[in-house]
Amino acid sequence: IKLPAFNERDNKEDYLRSKLVELGKFAAGFFASMLADPLKGSACRHYLKGRDLREETVRRFGLGFAPDGWNNLVDKARAAGFRDPVLEASGLVKKGERGSLYDFFRNRLMIPIHDVSGNVVAFGGRDLGDGTPKYINSPENALYKKSRVLYGLFQAREAMRREKSVFLVEGYFDLMRCFDAGIENVLATCGTALTTEQAILIRRYVRDVAVVFDADAAGIRAALRGIGLLTAAGLTVRAFTVPNGKDPDDFIKTNGPDSFRS
């Protein structure tokens, strides 16, 4: 038996990916605990109450809270044994000009992004008010390539197989509102342009896609481009905008899931 040569680089990359998987799970647990904290999480819980999501939906998508401050996650992760190179490689922390690490997400609702196996590979962070930017997202790392990930696929894949079709929406809350209302064959692009890799990923599960993008000019342009990619990937595509300029989140809250399906 001829043994393959030991590749130190591959070994290091495998180690990093495994540690990033561990760190993603740890960070998601930390943010969830901060959301549940009676004091630290109160403002974020108030925000979620205004979004009118069921507690079951909040738990299902692992929503959490990154408290204000520069080193909440850094300190907790270090205490749990995660080394600085892994923390920095994750994108959850950044290195300052003086070389010290600080938390990338601060005072934001935290939305874990899973791969198809259920590993937390990235996060979206939503400002609790009207601050800018409204959303910030994890940078790409050894686990997370945004062109190959669709939000909600881990949660939606069984419903997609069952329904043999999928709704493709733009935002995190559009998707969570659908799930909250019992519509679970839904994926979201999270505001980024659809890619060929994502279209091929969808084709692994379904052949029919209904594209639901915002009715503004940017949303229509994104929908038209996405339709071309999905069609080129061999999918049957329909597209529509929600009436009265609403997004799926607002429309379903006002009119109910049956109207959205209709």
Protein backbone atom coordinates (compact mmCIF):
# COMPACT_ATOMS: atom_id res chain seq x y z
CA ILE A 1 0.00 0.00 0.00
CA LYS A 2 1.52 3.28 -1.08
CA LEU A 3 0.80 5.92 1.54
CA PRO A 4 0.11 9.46 0.29
CA ALA A 5 2.64 12.09 1.22
CA PHE A 6 1.75 14.08 4.31
CA ASN A 7 0.58 17.53 3.29
CA GLU A 8 1.12 19.92 6.19
CA ARG A 9 -0.87 22.69 4.50
CA ASP A 10 -3.97 20.51 4.01
CA ASN A 11 -3.69 19.35 7.60
CA LYS A 12 -3.63 22.93 8.85
CA GLU A 13 -6.61 23.87 6.69
CA ASP A 14 -8.62 20.89 7.96
CA TYR A 15 -7.74 21.84 11.53
CA LEU A 16 -8.83 25.44 10.95
CA ARG A 17 -12.13 24.39 9.42
CA SER A 18 -12.86 22.07 12.33
CA LYS A 19 -12.08 24.83 14.84
CA LEU A 20 -14.27 27.29 12.93
CA VAL A 21 -17.15 24.82 13.15
CA GLU A 22 -16.62 24.62 16.92
CA LEU A 23 -16.36 28.39 17.22
CA GLY A 24 -19.53 28.97 15.18
CA LYS A 25 -21.49 26.71 17.53
CA PHE A 26 -19.92 28.39 20.57
CA ALA A 27 -20.64 31.91 19.29
CA ALA A 28 -24.25 31.05 18.45
CA GLY A 29 -24.73 29.73 21.98
CA PHE A 30 -23.12 32.83 23.47
CA PHE A 31 -25.33 35.21 21.45
CA ALA A 32 -28.45 33.20 22.36
CA SER A 33 -27.54 33.42 26.05
CA MET A 34 -27.11 37.19 25.73
CA LEU A 35 -30.57 37.48 24.16
CA ALA A 36 -32.01 35.56 27.11
CA ASP A 37 -30.10 37.64 29.69
CA PRO A 38 -32.68 39.63 31.72
CA LEU A 39 -30.67 42.85 31.52
CA LYS A 40 -28.32 42.68 28.55
CA GLY A 41 -30.86 41.24 26.15
CA SER A 42 -33.87 43.38 27.03
CA ALA A 43 -33.54 45.88 24.17
CA CYS A 44 -33.10 43.12 21.60
CA ARG A 45 -36.06 41.16 22.97
CA HIS A 46 -38.13 44.35 22.72
CA TYR A 47 -37.06 44.70 19.08
CA LEU A 48 -38.03 41.09 18.31
CA LYS A 49 -41.38 41.59 20.01
CA GLY A 50 -42.02 44.41 17.54
CA ARG A 51 -41.22 42.05 14.65
CA ASP A 52 -43.96 39.74 15.99
CA LEU A 53 -42.16 36.42 15.55
CA ARG A 54 -43.26 33.42 17.56
CA GLU A 55 -40.82 32.23 20.21
CA GLU A 56 -40.63 28.89 18.42
CA THR A 57 -39.34 30.66 15.30
CA VAL A 58 -36.77 32.63 17.31
CA ARG A 59 -35.45 29.37 18.77
CA ARG A 60 -35.57 27.48 15.47
CA PHE A 61 -33.33 30.02 13.76
CA GLY A 62 -31.10 30.45 16.80
CA LEU A 63 -31.47 34.22 17.03
CA GLY A 64 -29.22 35.95 19.53
CA PHE A 65 -27.79 39.26 20.64
CA ALA A 66 -24.28 40.72 20.48
CA PRO A 67 -24.09 43.13 23.44
CA ASP A 68 -22.45 46.52 23.23
CA GLY A 69 -18.76 46.55 24.08
CA TRP A 70 -15.52 45.65 22.41
CA ASN A 71 -14.51 42.28 23.87
CA ASN A 72 -17.54 40.33 25.09
CA LEU A 73 -17.14 37.47 22.63
CA VAL A 74 -13.34 37.73 22.54
CA ASP A 75 -13.05 37.19 26.29
CA LYS A 76 -15.58 34.35 26.40
CA ALA A 77 -14.03 32.53 23.44
CA ARG A 78 -10.52 32.85 24.83
CA ALA A 79 -11.70 31.51 28.18
CA ALA A 80 -13.23 28.55 26.32
CA GLY A 81 -9.85 27.73 24.78
CA PHE A 82 -10.10 29.29 21.32
CA ARG A 83 -6.82 30.76 20.16
CA ASP A 84 -6.44 34.19 18.65
CA PRO A 85 -5.57 33.01 15.09
CA VAL A 86 -8.81 31.02 14.96
CA LEU A 87 -10.82 33.95 16.32
CA GLU A 88 -9.35 36.29 13.75
CA ALA A 89 -9.82 33.80 10.89
CA SER A 90 -13.52 33.49 11.74
CA GLY A 91 -14.26 37.15 11.04
CA LEU A 92 -16.16 37.37 14.33
CA VAL A 93 -13.35 39.48 15.71
CA LYS A 94 -11.03 42.01 14.14
CA LYS A 95 -7.49 43.14 14.90
CA GLY A 96 -7.06 46.80 15.84
CA GLU A 97 -4.22 49.09 14.85
CA ARG A 98 -2.38 48.25 18.05
CA GLY A 99 -2.74 44.52 17.48
CA SER A 100 -5.50 43.82 20.01
CA LEU A 101 -8.63 41.88 19.02
CA TYR A 102 -12.13 43.30 19.30
CA ASP A 103 -15.66 42.07 18.58
CA PHE A 104 -16.89 42.72 15.03
CA PHE A 105 -20.59 42.52 16.02
CA ARG A 106 -21.72 44.94 18.74
CA ASN A 107 -25.24 45.84 19.89
CA ARG A 108 -26.93 43.88 17.11
CA LEU A 109 -29.52 41.17 16.69
CA MET A 110 -27.54 38.12 15.60
CA ILE A 111 -28.81 35.78 12.88
CA PRO A 112 -26.81 32.55 12.46
CA ILE A 113 -26.23 31.34 8.90
CA HIS A 114 -25.97 27.55 8.54
CA ASP A 115 -24.49 25.32 5.88
CA VAL A 116 -26.51 22.37 4.54
CA SER A 117 -25.21 20.20 7.39
CA GLY A 118 -26.41 22.61 10.06
CA ASN A 119 -23.03 24.06 11.00
CA VAL A 120 -23.04 27.77 11.84
CA VAL A 121 -20.64 29.23 9.26
CA ALA A 122 -21.46 32.95 9.49
CA PHE A 123 -23.74 35.55 11.05
CA GLY A 124 -25.85 38.48 9.96
CA GLY A 125 -26.07 41.33 12.45
CA ARG A 126 -29.07 43.69 12.39
CA ASP A 127 -28.95 47.14 13.99
CA LEU A 128 -31.70 47.48 16.62
CA GLY A 129 -32.74 50.92 15.43
CA ASP A 130 -32.31 52.99 12.31
CA GLY A 131 -28.51 53.05 12.39
CA THR A 132 -26.38 52.42 9.35
CA PRO A 133 -25.52 50.04 8.04
CA LYS A 134 -28.75 48.26 8.88
CA TYR A 135 -27.08 44.86 8.39
CA ILE A 136 -23.50 43.72 8.57
CA ASN A 137 -22.47 40.18 7.68
CA SER A 138 -19.53 37.95 8.48
CA PRO A 139 -16.71 38.18 5.96
CA GLU A 140 -15.86 35.05 4.01
CA ASN A 141 -13.60 32.52 5.69
CA ALA A 142 -12.45 28.93 5.26
CA LEU A 143 -16.03 27.72 5.89
CA TYR A 144 -18.16 30.53 4.52
CA LYS A 145 -18.27 31.38 0.82
CA LYS A 146 -21.32 33.58 0.36
CA SER A 147 -21.72 32.64 -3.31
CA ARG A 148 -22.34 29.02 -2.22
CA VAL A 149 -24.67 29.57 0.73
CA LEU A 150 -28.39 30.35 0.84
CA TYR A 151 -30.01 31.42 4.08
CA GLY A 152 -32.52 28.92 5.44
CA LEU A 153 -31.53 25.94 3.29
CA PHE A 154 -30.76 23.77 6.32
CA GLN A 155 -34.22 24.50 7.76
CA ALA A 156 -36.08 24.42 4.43
CA ARG A 157 -34.63 21.41 2.62
CA GLU A 158 -37.18 18.83 3.83
CA ALA A 159 -40.12 21.09 2.96
CA MET A 160 -38.54 21.79 -0.44
CA ARG A 161 -38.36 18.07 -1.19
CA ARG A 162 -41.92 17.61 0.03
CA GLU A 163 -43.43 20.56 -1.89
CA LYS A 164 -41.15 20.09 -4.94
CA SER A 165 -40.83 23.87 -5.21
CA VAL A 166 -39.33 26.83 -3.37
CA PHE A 167 -39.96 30.54 -2.83
CA LEU A 168 -36.81 32.65 -3.20
CA VAL A 169 -36.99 35.87 -1.16
CA GLU A 170 -34.50 38.63 -0.40
CA GLY A 171 -34.17 39.06 3.36
CA TYR A 172 -33.75 37.21 6.64
CA PHE A 173 -37.07 38.40 8.06
CA ASP A 174 -38.95 37.68 4.84
CA LEU A 175 -37.87 34.06 5.22
CA MET A 176 -38.52 33.85 8.95
CA ARG A 177 -41.98 35.39 8.49
CA CYS A 178 -42.83 32.66 5.98
CA PHE A 179 -41.69 29.95 8.40
CA ASP A 180 -43.59 31.67 11.20
CA ALA A 181 -46.75 31.41 9.09
CA GLY A 182 -46.19 27.76 8.19
CA ILE A 183 -44.61 28.25 4.75
CA GLU A 184 -41.31 26.38 5.02
CA ASN A 185 -40.17 25.85 1.42
CA VAL A 186 -38.40 29.23 1.36
CA LEU A 187 -34.82 30.38 0.78
CA ALA A 188 -33.28 33.85 1.03
CA THR A 189 -30.41 35.50 -0.79
CA CYS A 190 -29.88 37.99 2.08
CA GLY A 191 -29.56 41.00 -0.18
CA THR A 192 -26.74 39.63 -2.33
CA ALA A 193 -26.97 38.88 -6.03
CA LEU A 194 -27.87 35.29 -6.87
CA THR A 195 -24.95 33.24 -8.17
CA THR A 196 -24.60 30.27 -10.50
CA GLU A 197 -23.39 28.16 -7.57
CA GLN A 198 -26.54 28.98 -5.60
CA ALA A 199 -28.76 28.15 -8.58
CA ILE A 200 -27.09 24.74 -8.90
CA LEU A 201 -27.51 24.22 -5.15
CA ILE A 202 -31.24 24.87 -5.42
CA ARG A 203 -31.48 22.37 -8.30
CA ARG A 204 -30.27 19.61 -5.97
CA TYR A 205 -33.58 19.86 -4.11
CA VAL A 206 -36.28 21.21 -6.46
CA ARG A 207 -36.99 22.04 -10.09
CA ASP A 208 -39.56 24.86 -9.61
CA VAL A 209 -38.70 28.28 -8.16
CA ALA A 210 -40.93 31.26 -7.44
CA VAL A 211 -38.80 34.41 -7.20
CA VAL A 212 -40.28 37.00 -4.80
CA PHE A 213 -38.24 40.20 -4.85
CA ASP A 214 -38.99 43.76 -3.76
CA ALA A 215 -40.94 45.94 -6.18
CA ASP A 216 -38.35 48.74 -6.34
CA ALA A 217 -36.02 49.13 -9.32
CA ALA A 218 -33.12 47.39 -7.59
CA GLY A 219 -35.31 44.45 -6.62
CA ILE A 220 -36.67 44.07 -10.15
CA ARG A 221 -33.17 44.17 -11.65
CA ALA A 222 -32.02 41.52 -9.17
CA ALA A 223 -35.05 39.37 -9.97
CA LEU A 224 -34.45 39.55 -13.72
CA ARG A 225 -30.79 38.62 -13.31
CA GLY A 226 -31.69 35.78 -10.95
CA ILE A 227 -34.31 34.42 -13.36
CA GLY A 228 -31.63 34.14 -16.05
CA LEU A 229 -29.27 32.22 -13.77
CA LEU A 230 -32.00 29.90 -12.49
CA THR A 231 -33.28 29.17 -15.99
CA ALA A 232 -29.75 28.48 -17.20
CA ALA A 233 -29.39 25.98 -14.36
CA GLY A 234 -32.39 24.05 -15.69
CA LEU A 235 -35.04 25.32 -13.28
CA THR A 236 -38.61 26.34 -14.06
CA VAL A 237 -39.02 29.90 -12.80
CA ARG A 238 -41.94 32.17 -11.96
CA ALA A 239 -41.52 35.64 -10.52
CA PHE A 240 -43.78 38.11 -8.77
CA THR A 241 -43.68 41.20 -6.62
CA VAL A 242 -45.85 41.57 -3.54
CA PRO A 243 -48.79 43.99 -4.01
CA ASN A 244 -48.66 47.60 -2.82
CA GLY A 245 -44.89 47.67 -2.64
CA LYS A 246 -44.80 45.48 0.45
CA ASP A 247 -42.21 42.82 1.17
CA PRO A 248 -43.27 39.26 2.12
CA ASP A 249 -42.76 40.02 5.83
CA ASP A 250 -45.25 42.90 5.89
CA PHE A 251 -47.66 41.30 3.44
CA ILE A 252 -48.01 38.05 5.39
CA LYS A 253 -48.41 39.90 8.70
CA THR A 254 -51.23 41.96 7.19
CA ASN A 255 -52.93 39.47 4.87
CA GLY A 256 -51.95 36.03 6.10
CA PRO A 257 -50.13 33.07 4.51
CA ASP A 258 -53.00 31.95 2.28
CA SER A 259 -53.02 35.30 0.47
CA PHE A 260 -49.28 35.02 -0.06
CA ARG A 261 -49.62 31.51 -1.52
CA SER A 262 -52.44 32.71 -3.75
